[in-house]
Every structure is written in C-alpha cells, then in structure tokens.
Amino acid sequence: MENQTIILIVMSVYMILLITWGIYQGKKVKTGSDFAIAGRKLPGWVAALSERATGESSWALLGLPGAAYATGLMEIWTAVGCVSGIIVAWVLLASRLRNEAEKYEVDTFTDYIAKRHGEVGKLIRIVGSLTIVFFFFFYVGAQFIGGGKTLNSLFGVNQDLAMIIIVILVIPYTIYGGFRSVTYTDVIQAIIMIITLIITPIAGLIYLSNLPEGTVFAHTISDALIKSGESYSTMTGGAVVKNDSALFGFLSNIFPNSLSIVKGLGTGIIIAGAFSWFFGYLGGQPQLTMRFMAIKDEKNAKIARNIGVIWTIIAYTGALLVGWIGIALFGPEGLQDQETVMPEVLTTVFNPVVSGILITGVLAAIISTANSLLILSATELSENIIKSGDTSSLIDSKKSLFQSRLVTAILSLVALLLAYLSPSDLVYAIVGYVWAGIGSTFSVVILLTLFWKRFHGIPALLTIIVGLIFTIFWIVSGMDAIVSSRLLTFVVAVLTAVVSTYLIKKKDS
C-alpha cells in the first residue's frame, strides 16, 4: 500500500504540472487555425517529439511490449515494419508535406487532399472527415482502454472507472488549447517515454543477472525465449503457425496433404502481416501528417527529421526488450493480460519513486495520443463539415474557436462510450484496425497525390470509400485473423486508385 501511495503521488504531481503547462500554452491560441494546426509555426524539435509521442502512444508502451511478451522474436517484424515506415515518412514525405501545407494554406488533413483535388473537393472533405472520425473514435477508445489497464494494474482500480479518470485528465487542456497545447505537452511526454524505454531494459537486464538461480523463469532474454519454445525463439520457423489458429485451418483446407507448405506459407503470411504496419506510416495517419504540415520552415523540417528517426530506433528497441524481459521475469504464461507487461516490469525492477516516474511515461504516451486524436477529429468535423455549411462561423473567429472546443468535448464522451462497447480490449488489435482503415487507405491517397500527376479527385474519393468499406468487411468477416487487413487494405486501395485513374477522366475544376 505504501508503494502504491508513493507512485500515486508522483503521478499526480506530474499530471498537475502537465495540465498547467498545457493551459499556459493554450492562452496563446487566438484563432481556429491556431487551434487546428498551431498556425503552421512549430519549431522542428517540437514537431518531431510531438509526432513521435503521438505516433507511439499506448501502442509502444503497452501494445508492442505486450505482443513481444506473447510472441517472442516474431514481433521483430512488426518493429521493422513500423521503424521502416517512420523513417521513410520523415526522410521522403515530411518536408514535402510541410511545403504543400504552406502552399495551399491548409488547416486540416482532408483540407489538403480537397484543395489538391478541387474538382470533387467538397465530397472529399465530407467523406474523408467522416471516415477519419469513425475510425478515430475507436483509436481514442484504445487509449482510454490502455490508461484503464495501467491504473487497474497499479492500483486495482476498476478498469471502467479508470477510463473515466483518464478522460478527466485529457479533456481540460485539450479543449482549451487545441493543437498548440497538445504539441507542447507532447514534448514533455516524448522525453519521459524515451527515458522509460532506455532505462527500463538496461535496469531489467541488470536485475535479472543479479537474482539467485531459480527465482525467476530465466536470467537472460535468450534463455527465456528458448525455454518458452520454438514459437518464441524463431523469427521465421514454421512453428510460429499454431495448429489451432484460423490461418492454419484455412491453409490446411487448401493444402490438406502438405503440412510443410501450410507452415511455410503460413509463416510468410504472418511475417507480411507483422511488417504491414509499414504502410500506415506513409502519410496516411492524419495525426502524424499534421505534425509534418505544422513545421514552420525547411530548416526546422531537417532538424525534426533527425530527431524523429533517432527517437524511433531507440524507442522500438526498448519496447521489444521490455516484452522479452517480461518473459524472463514472469514466464510466457505468467501474466493474465499481456499488455500489462510494461507496468509489471517497472514495479518489479524499480523502487516505488522511480517506477512511479517511469510509469508516468506510460500514461504520458496514452494521454499524448488521445488528445492528439481528439483535436484532429474535432477540427476535421468542425472545419470541413460543420463550418462548410455555416458561413458566419468562417467570419467570427471567436465562434469558430468555441465550436472547435465544443466538438472536442463531445467527441471525447463518444469515444469513452465506444471504449466500453469495444469488442476487443487489446490495444494492439484496435490500433491495428485503425491502421488499416485510415493508414493503409490514406497512405495511398497521399503518396499518389504527391508523386503521380495523373492521379485526380474522383480516384482519390473512390480510394477512400473502397478502403473504408473493405476494411470493415474484412474485419467483420473474421478474415483479418487469416490475412491482416493492414496489408490487404493497402493492396486494394492501390488497385482502386490506379485502375480508376486510368478509367476515369479528370473533371475540369
């Protein structure tokens, strides 16, 4: 109980300071553009740290370590896909998107796509914004679930009540300060996150090596993976395809007399599915792309790129190591919920003061992403749908700002409700669905908009619609358990975009 009290005090002090800092930054917000994109004047270091804090969220501190704990070395393919996608985005896309945002004076993600494809710009605004808001309800809900798990693991608080607490922590400065408050609080949270992901693996390995024999499952990561079985200790072996999995059953029906083909092909599909996180980072995640667009100039874009890439490589290495250290400490079946491995490792390895500070990194990640998604969803709705039908709101900046804040509050409550109704409480699974519906779909639209002159409005609109419908169909049908929707949505979106571009002639603007 004493340890829990210390952790609670540390976390409370942090949250008070964070909210105060967010409200202070919010005082500088004067217009709807400030609320939506910080006036496109973010320093490079702020944009980079905000983009990384937003991009990783409960995914990097709960979902990825949890997946590494549950699957062993196989999860390296997920990390490779994510890191590769992030590096490509920063090196090839960030500067281009910043320049495009400045050229077209955009305030939202779909505002850019609509202005580039003006012949059907209004429809793109409506369909694009509604698609983003639909999927982001679940993404925000995943953050609330992640926060609920963390508080439940630490203090035994009922997870449903814990989610309400997270919402209360997120809403005030998010509503008040919008994008500016969120990005500057993200900086603090990105620093705490990276410290957590550096210190925890190092301390965990030292802790394991100093324990007496027989007190834990294994004293090194390699021993833990080997003792857990071949499915944990291999990246490519056929053993990773479990005999009771949907994929094994599906392939066995096609190749009933060839177990080697089933296991070999199954492993290839699993690896491709893990790597498929790559596609969502190629400009298709609006909450990340908006950070690129908000950078104030070309010089700062280069600074942001370097910080973003270095942060990512360190963070993903740390997240995987934490998951594997969890196997060594608790064994492969030692945790009831795989996604509590990070807080469990922290409270095992560190004293209450240090673990309290580092666990704050978990909450930091969750809050950072939740408020970023809420701001983006609110601005998409208010700027592209509500205000497009209300000329007066475009004129009155105070009314515009109030409207954006009100929409943010309403969306927060809807996302909380959906978190309670979500069919899955695995952060990893929910984020994966959003990565397909949003990331894999919009990445195709952004890439072709930037690099293919022939691509135009109607194919862009069709790609968004088909990507949305296909993702929902693939997940609801249960086929996502066989082949990842992240991979197939990207393929379907590419085919839709290319074929429709060649078949449909561009309208005159």
Protein backbone atom coordinates (compact mmCIF):
# COMPACT_ATOMS: atom_id res chain seq x y z
CA MET A 1 0.00 0.00 0.00
CA GLU A 2 2.88 2.36 0.83
CA ASN A 3 4.45 1.74 -2.58
CA GLN A 4 1.14 2.44 -4.31
CA THR A 5 0.81 5.71 -2.41
CA ILE A 6 4.26 6.87 -3.50
CA ILE A 7 3.53 6.01 -7.14
CA LEU A 8 0.19 7.80 -6.95
CA ILE A 9 1.79 10.96 -5.53
CA VAL A 10 4.47 11.01 -8.23
CA MET A 11 1.91 10.55 -10.99
CA SER A 12 -0.42 13.17 -9.54
CA VAL A 13 2.33 15.80 -9.37
CA TYR A 14 3.25 15.05 -12.97
CA MET A 15 -0.33 15.36 -14.20
CA ILE A 16 -0.85 18.66 -12.38
CA LEU A 17 2.30 20.10 -13.96
CA LEU A 18 1.31 18.76 -17.38
CA ILE A 19 -2.19 20.23 -17.29
CA THR A 20 -0.81 23.58 -16.07
CA TRP A 21 1.71 23.63 -18.93
CA GLY A 22 -1.00 22.77 -21.45
CA ILE A 23 -3.30 25.54 -20.22
CA TYR A 24 -0.41 28.03 -20.34
CA GLN A 25 0.24 27.17 -23.99
CA GLY A 26 -3.49 27.34 -24.67
CA LYS A 27 -3.52 31.03 -23.74
CA LYS A 28 -1.62 31.69 -26.98
CA VAL A 29 -4.44 30.21 -29.09
CA LYS A 30 -6.44 33.03 -30.67
CA THR A 31 -7.90 31.62 -33.89
CA GLY A 32 -9.31 28.42 -35.36
CA SER A 33 -6.06 27.95 -37.29
CA ASP A 34 -4.07 28.14 -34.03
CA PHE A 35 -6.41 25.53 -32.54
CA ALA A 36 -6.18 23.22 -35.57
CA ILE A 37 -2.52 23.43 -36.67
CA ALA A 38 -0.70 25.92 -34.36
CA GLY A 39 -0.62 28.46 -37.18
CA ARG A 40 1.91 26.24 -39.05
CA LYS A 41 4.72 27.69 -36.89
CA LEU A 42 6.03 24.71 -34.91
CA PRO A 43 9.80 24.52 -34.28
CA GLY A 44 11.34 21.35 -35.66
CA TRP A 45 12.18 19.82 -32.29
CA VAL A 46 8.61 20.35 -31.06
CA ALA A 47 7.10 18.82 -34.21
CA ALA A 48 9.41 15.78 -34.04
CA LEU A 49 8.84 14.99 -30.38
CA SER A 50 5.10 15.64 -30.70
CA GLU A 51 4.86 13.38 -33.77
CA ARG A 52 6.72 10.58 -32.01
CA ALA A 53 4.76 10.86 -28.76
CA THR A 54 1.52 10.87 -30.75
CA GLY A 55 2.58 8.04 -33.04
CA GLU A 56 3.66 5.64 -30.32
CA SER A 57 1.03 6.12 -27.60
CA SER A 58 -0.15 3.11 -25.61
CA TRP A 59 0.88 1.13 -28.68
CA ALA A 60 4.64 1.39 -27.95
CA LEU A 61 4.44 1.14 -24.18
CA LEU A 62 1.62 -1.39 -23.82
CA GLY A 63 0.72 -2.95 -27.18
CA LEU A 64 4.18 -3.66 -28.65
CA PRO A 65 5.84 -4.88 -25.41
CA GLY A 66 2.72 -6.99 -24.81
CA ALA A 67 2.96 -8.51 -28.29
CA ALA A 68 6.70 -9.16 -27.80
CA TYR A 69 5.86 -10.85 -24.49
CA ALA A 70 3.21 -13.01 -26.19
CA THR A 71 5.08 -13.96 -29.38
CA GLY A 72 8.81 -13.57 -28.73
CA LEU A 73 11.18 -12.85 -31.62
CA MET A 74 8.36 -12.88 -34.17
CA GLU A 75 7.43 -9.36 -33.08
CA ILE A 76 10.68 -8.05 -34.55
CA TRP A 77 8.89 -8.00 -37.92
CA THR A 78 6.32 -5.58 -36.55
CA ALA A 79 9.08 -3.31 -35.24
CA VAL A 80 10.94 -3.48 -38.57
CA GLY A 81 7.77 -2.53 -40.43
CA CYS A 82 7.00 0.39 -38.11
CA VAL A 83 10.54 1.76 -37.96
CA SER A 84 10.97 1.48 -41.74
CA GLY A 85 7.69 3.30 -42.32
CA ILE A 86 8.55 6.08 -39.88
CA ILE A 87 12.00 6.61 -41.41
CA VAL A 88 10.56 6.72 -44.94
CA ALA A 89 7.92 9.22 -43.81
CA TRP A 90 10.45 11.56 -42.19
CA VAL A 91 13.03 11.31 -44.98
CA LEU A 92 10.79 11.39 -48.07
CA LEU A 93 7.45 12.90 -47.03
CA ALA A 94 7.79 15.31 -44.09
CA SER A 95 9.43 18.19 -45.94
CA ARG A 96 7.19 17.80 -49.00
CA LEU A 97 4.03 17.83 -46.89
CA ARG A 98 5.24 20.89 -44.97
CA ASN A 99 5.78 22.74 -48.25
CA GLU A 100 2.41 21.63 -49.60
CA ALA A 101 0.62 22.81 -46.44
CA GLU A 102 2.24 26.22 -46.76
CA LYS A 103 1.46 26.47 -50.47
CA TYR A 104 -2.21 25.55 -50.14
CA GLU A 105 -2.72 27.18 -46.69
CA VAL A 106 -4.33 24.10 -45.17
CA ASP A 107 -5.65 23.72 -41.63
CA THR A 108 -6.66 20.03 -41.66
CA PHE A 109 -5.59 16.76 -43.24
CA THR A 110 -8.56 16.42 -45.59
CA ASP A 111 -8.40 20.14 -46.33
CA TYR A 112 -5.09 19.42 -48.10
CA ILE A 113 -6.47 16.49 -50.13
CA ALA A 114 -9.57 18.51 -51.05
CA LYS A 115 -7.54 21.52 -52.21
CA ARG A 116 -5.26 19.33 -54.31
CA HIS A 117 -8.28 17.69 -55.92
CA GLY A 118 -10.62 20.64 -56.16
CA GLU A 119 -12.97 19.12 -58.74
CA VAL A 120 -14.52 16.95 -56.03
CA GLY A 121 -13.08 18.81 -53.06
CA LYS A 122 -16.36 19.16 -51.17
CA LEU A 123 -17.12 15.43 -51.35
CA ILE A 124 -13.57 14.57 -50.29
CA ARG A 125 -13.93 16.84 -47.25
CA ILE A 126 -17.16 15.16 -46.19
CA VAL A 127 -16.23 11.52 -46.89
CA GLY A 128 -12.63 11.89 -45.71
CA SER A 129 -13.54 13.65 -42.48
CA LEU A 130 -16.31 11.18 -41.59
CA THR A 131 -14.01 8.22 -42.33
CA ILE A 132 -11.29 9.64 -40.07
CA VAL A 133 -13.70 10.45 -37.25
CA PHE A 134 -15.33 6.99 -37.47
CA PHE A 135 -12.05 5.10 -37.06
CA PHE A 136 -10.55 7.57 -34.61
CA PHE A 137 -13.41 7.01 -32.19
CA PHE A 138 -12.01 3.50 -31.76
CA TYR A 139 -8.40 4.73 -31.71
CA VAL A 140 -9.15 7.20 -28.91
CA GLY A 141 -11.09 4.44 -27.17
CA ALA A 142 -7.97 2.25 -27.36
CA GLN A 143 -6.03 4.93 -25.48
CA PHE A 144 -8.69 5.07 -22.78
CA ILE A 145 -8.56 1.26 -22.52
CA GLY A 146 -4.75 1.42 -22.25
CA GLY A 147 -4.97 4.00 -19.48
CA GLY A 148 -7.59 1.92 -17.70
CA LYS A 149 -5.33 -1.14 -17.83
CA THR A 150 -2.40 0.81 -16.42
CA LEU A 151 -4.34 2.20 -13.43
CA ASN A 152 -6.00 -1.16 -12.86
CA SER A 153 -2.64 -2.95 -12.86
CA LEU A 154 -1.09 -0.46 -10.45
CA PHE A 155 -3.84 0.36 -8.01
CA GLY A 156 -6.53 -2.26 -8.57
CA VAL A 157 -8.93 0.44 -9.75
CA ASN A 158 -11.86 -0.92 -11.73
CA GLN A 159 -10.88 -0.57 -15.41
CA ASP A 160 -14.15 1.14 -16.35
CA LEU A 161 -13.70 3.75 -13.61
CA ALA A 162 -10.03 4.13 -14.55
CA MET A 163 -11.02 5.03 -18.12
CA ILE A 164 -13.22 7.85 -16.81
CA ILE A 165 -10.25 9.15 -14.79
CA ILE A 166 -8.11 9.19 -17.95
CA VAL A 167 -10.80 11.19 -19.79
CA ILE A 168 -10.94 13.73 -16.97
CA LEU A 169 -7.15 14.14 -17.22
CA VAL A 170 -7.16 14.51 -21.00
CA ILE A 171 -10.09 16.82 -21.70
CA PRO A 172 -9.34 20.15 -19.91
CA TYR A 173 -6.19 21.41 -21.65
CA THR A 174 -7.09 19.64 -24.90
CA ILE A 175 -10.34 21.56 -25.18
CA TYR A 176 -8.74 24.81 -24.08
CA GLY A 177 -5.52 24.88 -26.09
CA GLY A 178 -6.12 22.64 -29.09
CA PHE A 179 -3.22 21.62 -31.31
CA ARG A 180 -0.76 24.05 -29.72
CA SER A 181 -1.31 22.81 -26.17
CA VAL A 182 -1.21 19.21 -27.32
CA THR A 183 2.07 19.54 -29.24
CA TYR A 184 3.92 21.33 -26.46
CA THR A 185 2.74 18.89 -23.79
CA ASP A 186 3.73 16.10 -26.18
CA VAL A 187 7.33 17.30 -25.92
CA ILE A 188 7.42 16.57 -22.19
CA GLN A 189 5.71 13.23 -22.72
CA ALA A 190 8.05 12.16 -25.54
CA ILE A 191 11.05 12.84 -23.28
CA ILE A 192 9.57 10.78 -20.43
CA MET A 193 8.65 7.98 -22.85
CA ILE A 194 12.14 7.71 -24.32
CA ILE A 195 13.74 7.80 -20.85
CA THR A 196 11.42 4.96 -19.82
CA LEU A 197 12.31 2.91 -22.91
CA ILE A 198 16.06 3.42 -22.38
CA ILE A 199 16.33 2.90 -18.62
CA THR A 200 13.88 0.02 -18.21
CA PRO A 201 15.64 -2.54 -20.49
CA ILE A 202 19.07 -1.72 -19.04
CA ALA A 203 17.87 -1.96 -15.45
CA GLY A 204 15.83 -5.06 -16.25
CA LEU A 205 18.82 -6.95 -17.66
CA ILE A 206 20.96 -5.99 -14.66
CA TYR A 207 18.17 -7.03 -12.28
CA LEU A 208 17.85 -10.46 -13.94
CA SER A 209 21.56 -11.13 -13.87
CA ASN A 210 21.80 -10.41 -10.13
CA LEU A 211 18.94 -12.67 -8.98
CA PRO A 212 19.69 -16.08 -7.42
CA GLU A 213 19.16 -19.15 -9.58
CA GLY A 214 15.60 -20.45 -9.70
CA THR A 215 13.91 -17.24 -8.52
CA VAL A 216 12.65 -16.26 -11.98
CA PHE A 217 11.72 -18.07 -15.19
CA ALA A 218 15.11 -17.25 -16.80
CA HIS A 219 18.10 -15.00 -16.11
CA THR A 220 18.69 -13.84 -19.70
CA ILE A 221 16.43 -12.99 -22.63
CA SER A 222 17.93 -15.72 -24.82
CA ASP A 223 17.32 -18.40 -22.17
CA ALA A 224 13.77 -17.13 -21.65
CA LEU A 225 12.95 -17.35 -25.36
CA ILE A 226 14.47 -20.82 -25.74
CA LYS A 227 12.68 -22.17 -22.65
CA SER A 228 9.38 -20.74 -23.94
CA GLY A 229 9.55 -22.88 -27.07
CA GLU A 230 10.30 -22.63 -30.77
CA SER A 231 7.43 -20.24 -31.50
CA TYR A 232 9.11 -17.69 -29.20
CA SER A 233 12.72 -18.22 -30.22
CA THR A 234 12.38 -18.03 -34.01
CA MET A 235 11.55 -15.25 -36.47
CA THR A 236 10.76 -17.47 -39.44
CA GLY A 237 10.23 -21.10 -38.38
CA GLY A 238 7.04 -22.93 -39.28
CA ALA A 239 6.35 -23.47 -35.59
CA VAL A 240 5.00 -19.92 -35.32
CA VAL A 241 1.84 -21.04 -37.16
CA LYS A 242 -0.19 -22.58 -34.35
CA ASN A 243 -2.21 -25.66 -35.20
CA ASP A 244 -5.36 -24.25 -33.63
CA SER A 245 -5.15 -20.87 -35.43
CA ALA A 246 -7.59 -19.69 -38.11
CA LEU A 247 -4.70 -19.32 -40.57
CA PHE A 248 -3.58 -22.93 -40.06
CA GLY A 249 -7.13 -24.19 -40.60
CA PHE A 250 -7.61 -22.05 -43.72
CA LEU A 251 -4.36 -23.20 -45.34
CA SER A 252 -4.93 -26.84 -44.33
CA ASN A 253 -8.17 -26.83 -46.31
CA ILE A 254 -6.28 -25.64 -49.39
CA PHE A 255 -3.26 -27.96 -48.90
CA PRO A 256 -4.70 -30.91 -46.93
CA ASN A 257 -1.78 -33.25 -47.60
CA SER A 258 1.18 -30.92 -47.23
CA LEU A 259 1.97 -29.76 -43.71
CA SER A 260 5.30 -28.22 -44.77
CA ILE A 261 3.56 -25.94 -47.31
CA VAL A 262 0.95 -24.93 -44.72
CA LYS A 263 3.58 -24.00 -42.14
CA GLY A 264 5.93 -22.32 -44.62
CA LEU A 265 3.25 -20.29 -46.35
CA GLY A 266 1.57 -19.52 -43.03
CA THR A 267 4.79 -18.13 -41.62
CA GLY A 268 5.21 -15.92 -44.71
CA ILE A 269 1.69 -14.54 -44.28
CA ILE A 270 2.30 -13.85 -40.58
CA ILE A 271 5.57 -12.04 -41.34
CA ALA A 272 3.89 -9.97 -44.06
CA GLY A 273 1.06 -9.11 -41.67
CA ALA A 274 3.51 -8.03 -38.98
CA PHE A 275 5.52 -5.91 -41.43
CA SER A 276 2.33 -4.36 -42.84
CA TRP A 277 2.35 -1.67 -40.14
CA PHE A 278 4.83 -0.04 -42.55
CA PHE A 279 2.09 1.08 -44.95
CA GLY A 280 0.16 3.15 -42.43
CA TYR A 281 3.10 5.47 -41.82
CA LEU A 282 3.42 6.64 -45.45
CA GLY A 283 1.43 9.82 -44.91
CA GLY A 284 -1.81 8.02 -44.11
CA GLN A 285 -2.04 8.75 -40.39
CA PRO A 286 -3.57 12.24 -40.18
CA GLN A 287 -2.44 12.89 -36.60
CA LEU A 288 1.19 12.35 -37.70
CA THR A 289 0.97 14.08 -41.07
CA MET A 290 -0.42 17.20 -39.39
CA ARG A 291 2.85 17.46 -37.42
CA PHE A 292 4.77 17.49 -40.69
CA MET A 293 2.48 20.16 -42.07
CA ALA A 294 2.79 22.36 -38.96
CA ILE A 295 6.61 22.73 -39.13
CA LYS A 296 7.44 26.39 -39.68
CA ASP A 297 10.20 26.17 -42.33
CA GLU A 298 12.55 23.92 -44.30
CA LYS A 299 15.45 24.24 -41.85
CA ASN A 300 13.27 23.08 -38.98
CA ALA A 301 11.98 20.20 -41.11
CA LYS A 302 15.54 18.80 -41.31
CA ILE A 303 16.01 19.14 -37.55
CA ALA A 304 12.70 17.37 -36.99
CA ARG A 305 13.64 14.53 -39.35
CA ASN A 306 16.87 13.76 -37.49
CA ILE A 307 15.25 13.83 -34.06
CA GLY A 308 12.29 11.74 -35.22
CA VAL A 309 14.41 8.97 -36.75
CA ILE A 310 16.82 8.65 -33.79
CA TRP A 311 13.97 8.66 -31.24
CA THR A 312 12.15 5.92 -33.15
CA ILE A 313 15.06 3.48 -33.39
CA ILE A 314 15.82 3.78 -29.67
CA ALA A 315 12.16 3.53 -28.62
CA TYR A 316 11.31 0.41 -30.62
CA THR A 317 14.42 -1.40 -29.46
CA GLY A 318 13.49 -0.62 -25.86
CA ALA A 319 9.85 -1.69 -26.28
CA LEU A 320 10.82 -5.12 -27.64
CA LEU A 321 13.39 -5.67 -24.89
CA VAL A 322 10.84 -4.86 -22.18
CA GLY A 323 8.48 -7.53 -23.58
CA TRP A 324 11.23 -10.15 -23.63
CA ILE A 325 12.43 -9.20 -20.15
CA GLY A 326 8.83 -9.81 -19.06
CA ILE A 327 9.11 -13.38 -20.34
CA ALA A 328 12.29 -13.88 -18.28
CA LEU A 329 10.69 -12.44 -15.14
CA PHE A 330 7.21 -13.96 -15.25
CA GLY A 331 7.36 -16.78 -17.83
CA PRO A 332 5.27 -16.87 -21.06
CA GLU A 333 2.06 -17.64 -19.14
CA GLY A 334 2.75 -15.56 -16.05
CA LEU A 335 0.59 -12.53 -16.81
CA GLN A 336 -3.17 -12.58 -17.14
CA ASP A 337 -3.08 -9.67 -19.60
CA GLN A 338 -0.04 -9.49 -21.89
CA GLU A 339 -0.38 -5.70 -22.23
CA THR A 340 0.36 -5.12 -18.54
CA VAL A 341 3.93 -6.33 -19.03
CA MET A 342 5.43 -2.80 -19.01
CA PRO A 343 3.94 -1.64 -15.68
CA GLU A 344 4.60 -5.09 -14.17
CA VAL A 345 8.28 -4.96 -15.20
CA LEU A 346 8.60 -1.40 -13.89
CA THR A 347 7.14 -2.17 -10.46
CA THR A 348 9.26 -5.33 -10.20
CA VAL A 349 12.61 -3.83 -11.20
CA PHE A 350 12.45 -0.34 -9.65
CA ASN A 351 11.65 1.17 -6.26
CA PRO A 352 8.29 2.99 -5.98
CA VAL A 353 9.63 6.50 -6.65
CA VAL A 354 11.48 5.55 -9.82
CA SER A 355 8.74 3.22 -11.05
CA GLY A 356 6.19 5.96 -10.40
CA ILE A 357 8.13 8.38 -12.57
CA LEU A 358 8.63 5.83 -15.35
CA ILE A 359 5.05 4.54 -15.25
CA THR A 360 4.10 8.14 -15.81
CA GLY A 361 5.73 7.56 -19.20
CA VAL A 362 3.03 5.00 -19.95
CA LEU A 363 0.27 7.45 -19.06
CA ALA A 364 2.14 10.14 -20.97
CA ALA A 365 2.01 8.06 -24.12
CA ILE A 366 -1.69 7.35 -23.71
CA ILE A 367 -2.66 10.94 -22.98
CA SER A 368 -0.48 12.29 -25.78
CA THR A 369 -2.19 10.21 -28.43
CA ALA A 370 -5.68 10.57 -27.02
CA ASN A 371 -5.61 14.35 -27.06
CA SER A 372 -3.96 14.48 -30.50
CA LEU A 373 -6.66 12.25 -31.99
CA LEU A 374 -9.41 14.25 -30.33
CA ILE A 375 -8.06 17.54 -31.69
CA LEU A 376 -7.71 16.14 -35.18
CA SER A 377 -11.19 14.60 -35.18
CA ALA A 378 -12.72 17.80 -33.83
CA THR A 379 -11.04 20.01 -36.41
CA GLU A 380 -11.94 17.63 -39.23
CA LEU A 381 -15.60 17.80 -38.23
CA SER A 382 -15.78 21.49 -37.40
CA GLU A 383 -13.64 22.82 -40.28
CA ASN A 384 -14.73 20.50 -43.10
CA ILE A 385 -18.35 19.67 -42.32
CA ILE A 386 -19.96 21.97 -39.77
CA LYS A 387 -18.35 25.24 -40.87
CA SER A 388 -18.64 24.48 -44.57
CA GLY A 389 -22.38 24.88 -44.14
CA ASP A 390 -22.16 27.92 -41.84
CA THR A 391 -20.69 30.99 -43.44
CA SER A 392 -20.94 33.07 -40.27
CA SER A 393 -18.60 30.72 -38.40
CA LEU A 394 -15.94 31.38 -41.00
CA ILE A 395 -16.18 35.10 -40.29
CA ASP A 396 -16.42 35.06 -36.49
CA SER A 397 -13.12 33.65 -35.14
CA LYS A 398 -14.37 33.53 -31.53
CA LYS A 399 -17.40 31.49 -32.55
CA SER A 400 -15.12 29.25 -34.62
CA LEU A 401 -12.85 28.61 -31.64
CA PHE A 402 -15.77 27.88 -29.29
CA GLN A 403 -17.25 25.50 -31.84
CA SER A 404 -13.98 23.57 -32.14
CA ARG A 405 -13.74 23.24 -28.36
CA LEU A 406 -17.34 22.08 -28.03
CA VAL A 407 -16.90 19.43 -30.73
CA THR A 408 -13.74 18.19 -28.97
CA ALA A 409 -15.64 17.72 -25.71
CA ILE A 410 -18.49 15.84 -27.39
CA LEU A 411 -16.11 13.54 -29.28
CA SER A 412 -14.31 12.71 -26.02
CA LEU A 413 -17.51 11.42 -24.47
CA VAL A 414 -18.48 9.42 -27.56
CA ALA A 415 -15.01 7.80 -27.68
CA LEU A 416 -15.33 6.86 -23.99
CA LEU A 417 -18.68 5.21 -24.67
CA LEU A 418 -17.22 3.23 -27.59
CA ALA A 419 -14.32 2.12 -25.38
CA TYR A 420 -16.88 0.44 -23.11
CA LEU A 421 -18.62 -1.17 -26.11
CA SER A 422 -15.46 -2.22 -27.97
CA PRO A 423 -15.48 -5.92 -28.94
CA SER A 424 -11.77 -6.15 -28.11
CA ASP A 425 -9.87 -4.78 -25.12
CA LEU A 426 -6.47 -5.40 -26.72
CA VAL A 427 -4.88 -2.07 -27.63
CA TYR A 428 -2.77 -3.88 -30.24
CA ALA A 429 -5.84 -5.21 -32.08
CA ILE A 430 -7.83 -1.97 -32.03
CA VAL A 431 -4.90 0.14 -33.25
CA GLY A 432 -4.31 -2.45 -35.98
CA TYR A 433 -7.86 -1.98 -37.29
CA VAL A 434 -7.44 1.79 -37.39
CA TRP A 435 -4.07 1.39 -39.12
CA ALA A 436 -5.87 -0.47 -41.90
CA GLY A 437 -8.93 1.73 -42.31
CA ILE A 438 -7.09 5.04 -42.04
CA GLY A 439 -3.36 4.44 -42.52
CA SER A 440 -3.37 1.92 -45.36
CA THR A 441 -6.12 3.82 -47.20
CA PHE A 442 -4.93 7.41 -46.88
CA SER A 443 -1.27 6.50 -47.41
CA VAL A 444 -2.18 5.54 -50.97
CA VAL A 445 -4.06 8.82 -51.48
CA ILE A 446 -1.22 10.95 -50.08
CA LEU A 447 1.55 9.12 -51.96
CA LEU A 448 -0.20 9.34 -55.32
CA THR A 449 -1.22 12.95 -54.71
CA LEU A 450 2.41 13.86 -54.09
CA PHE A 451 4.13 11.74 -56.73
CA TRP A 452 1.69 10.97 -59.59
CA LYS A 453 0.44 13.93 -61.62
CA ARG A 454 -2.23 11.88 -63.38
CA PHE A 455 -3.95 10.98 -60.11
CA HIS A 456 -7.01 13.18 -59.53
CA GLY A 457 -10.08 13.79 -57.37
CA ILE A 458 -12.52 11.03 -58.33
CA PRO A 459 -9.96 8.20 -57.90
CA ALA A 460 -8.94 9.77 -54.56
CA LEU A 461 -12.55 9.78 -53.41
CA LEU A 462 -13.14 6.21 -54.62
CA THR A 463 -9.98 5.03 -52.86
CA ILE A 464 -11.17 6.45 -49.54
CA ILE A 465 -14.63 4.87 -49.89
CA VAL A 466 -13.35 1.47 -51.02
CA GLY A 467 -10.66 1.42 -48.30
CA LEU A 468 -13.27 2.15 -45.63
CA ILE A 469 -15.77 -0.46 -46.86
CA PHE A 470 -13.16 -3.15 -47.47
CA THR A 471 -11.56 -2.74 -44.04
CA ILE A 472 -14.89 -3.02 -42.25
CA PHE A 473 -15.90 -6.05 -44.35
CA TRP A 474 -12.55 -7.83 -43.82
CA ILE A 475 -12.61 -7.35 -40.06
CA VAL A 476 -16.28 -8.20 -39.56
CA SER A 477 -15.96 -11.33 -41.74
CA GLY A 478 -13.18 -12.65 -39.49
CA MET A 479 -10.72 -12.83 -42.38
CA ASP A 480 -8.36 -10.46 -40.56
CA ALA A 481 -7.37 -13.45 -38.41
CA ILE A 482 -6.05 -15.09 -41.58
CA VAL A 483 -4.52 -12.20 -43.54
CA SER A 484 -4.02 -8.78 -41.96
CA SER A 485 -6.41 -6.04 -43.08
CA ARG A 486 -3.46 -3.60 -42.90
CA LEU A 487 -1.81 -5.43 -45.79
CA LEU A 488 -4.87 -6.17 -47.91
CA THR A 489 -6.46 -2.75 -47.48
CA PHE A 490 -3.27 -1.17 -48.83
CA VAL A 491 -3.26 -3.54 -51.81
CA VAL A 492 -6.97 -2.95 -52.53
CA ALA A 493 -6.53 0.82 -52.17
CA VAL A 494 -3.59 0.84 -54.61
CA LEU A 495 -5.54 -1.19 -57.17
CA THR A 496 -8.59 1.06 -56.78
CA ALA A 497 -6.53 4.22 -57.18
CA VAL A 498 -4.54 3.07 -60.20
CA VAL A 499 -7.39 1.42 -62.12
CA SER A 500 -9.84 4.28 -61.53
CA THR A 501 -7.21 6.86 -62.53
CA TYR A 502 -6.78 5.18 -65.91
CA LEU A 503 -10.50 4.54 -66.44
CA ILE A 504 -11.97 7.85 -65.26
CA LYS A 505 -11.13 11.10 -66.97
CA LYS A 506 -10.38 14.10 -64.79
CA LYS A 507 -13.18 16.66 -64.49
CA ASP A 508 -12.49 20.31 -65.14
CA SER A 509 -12.14 22.19 -61.85
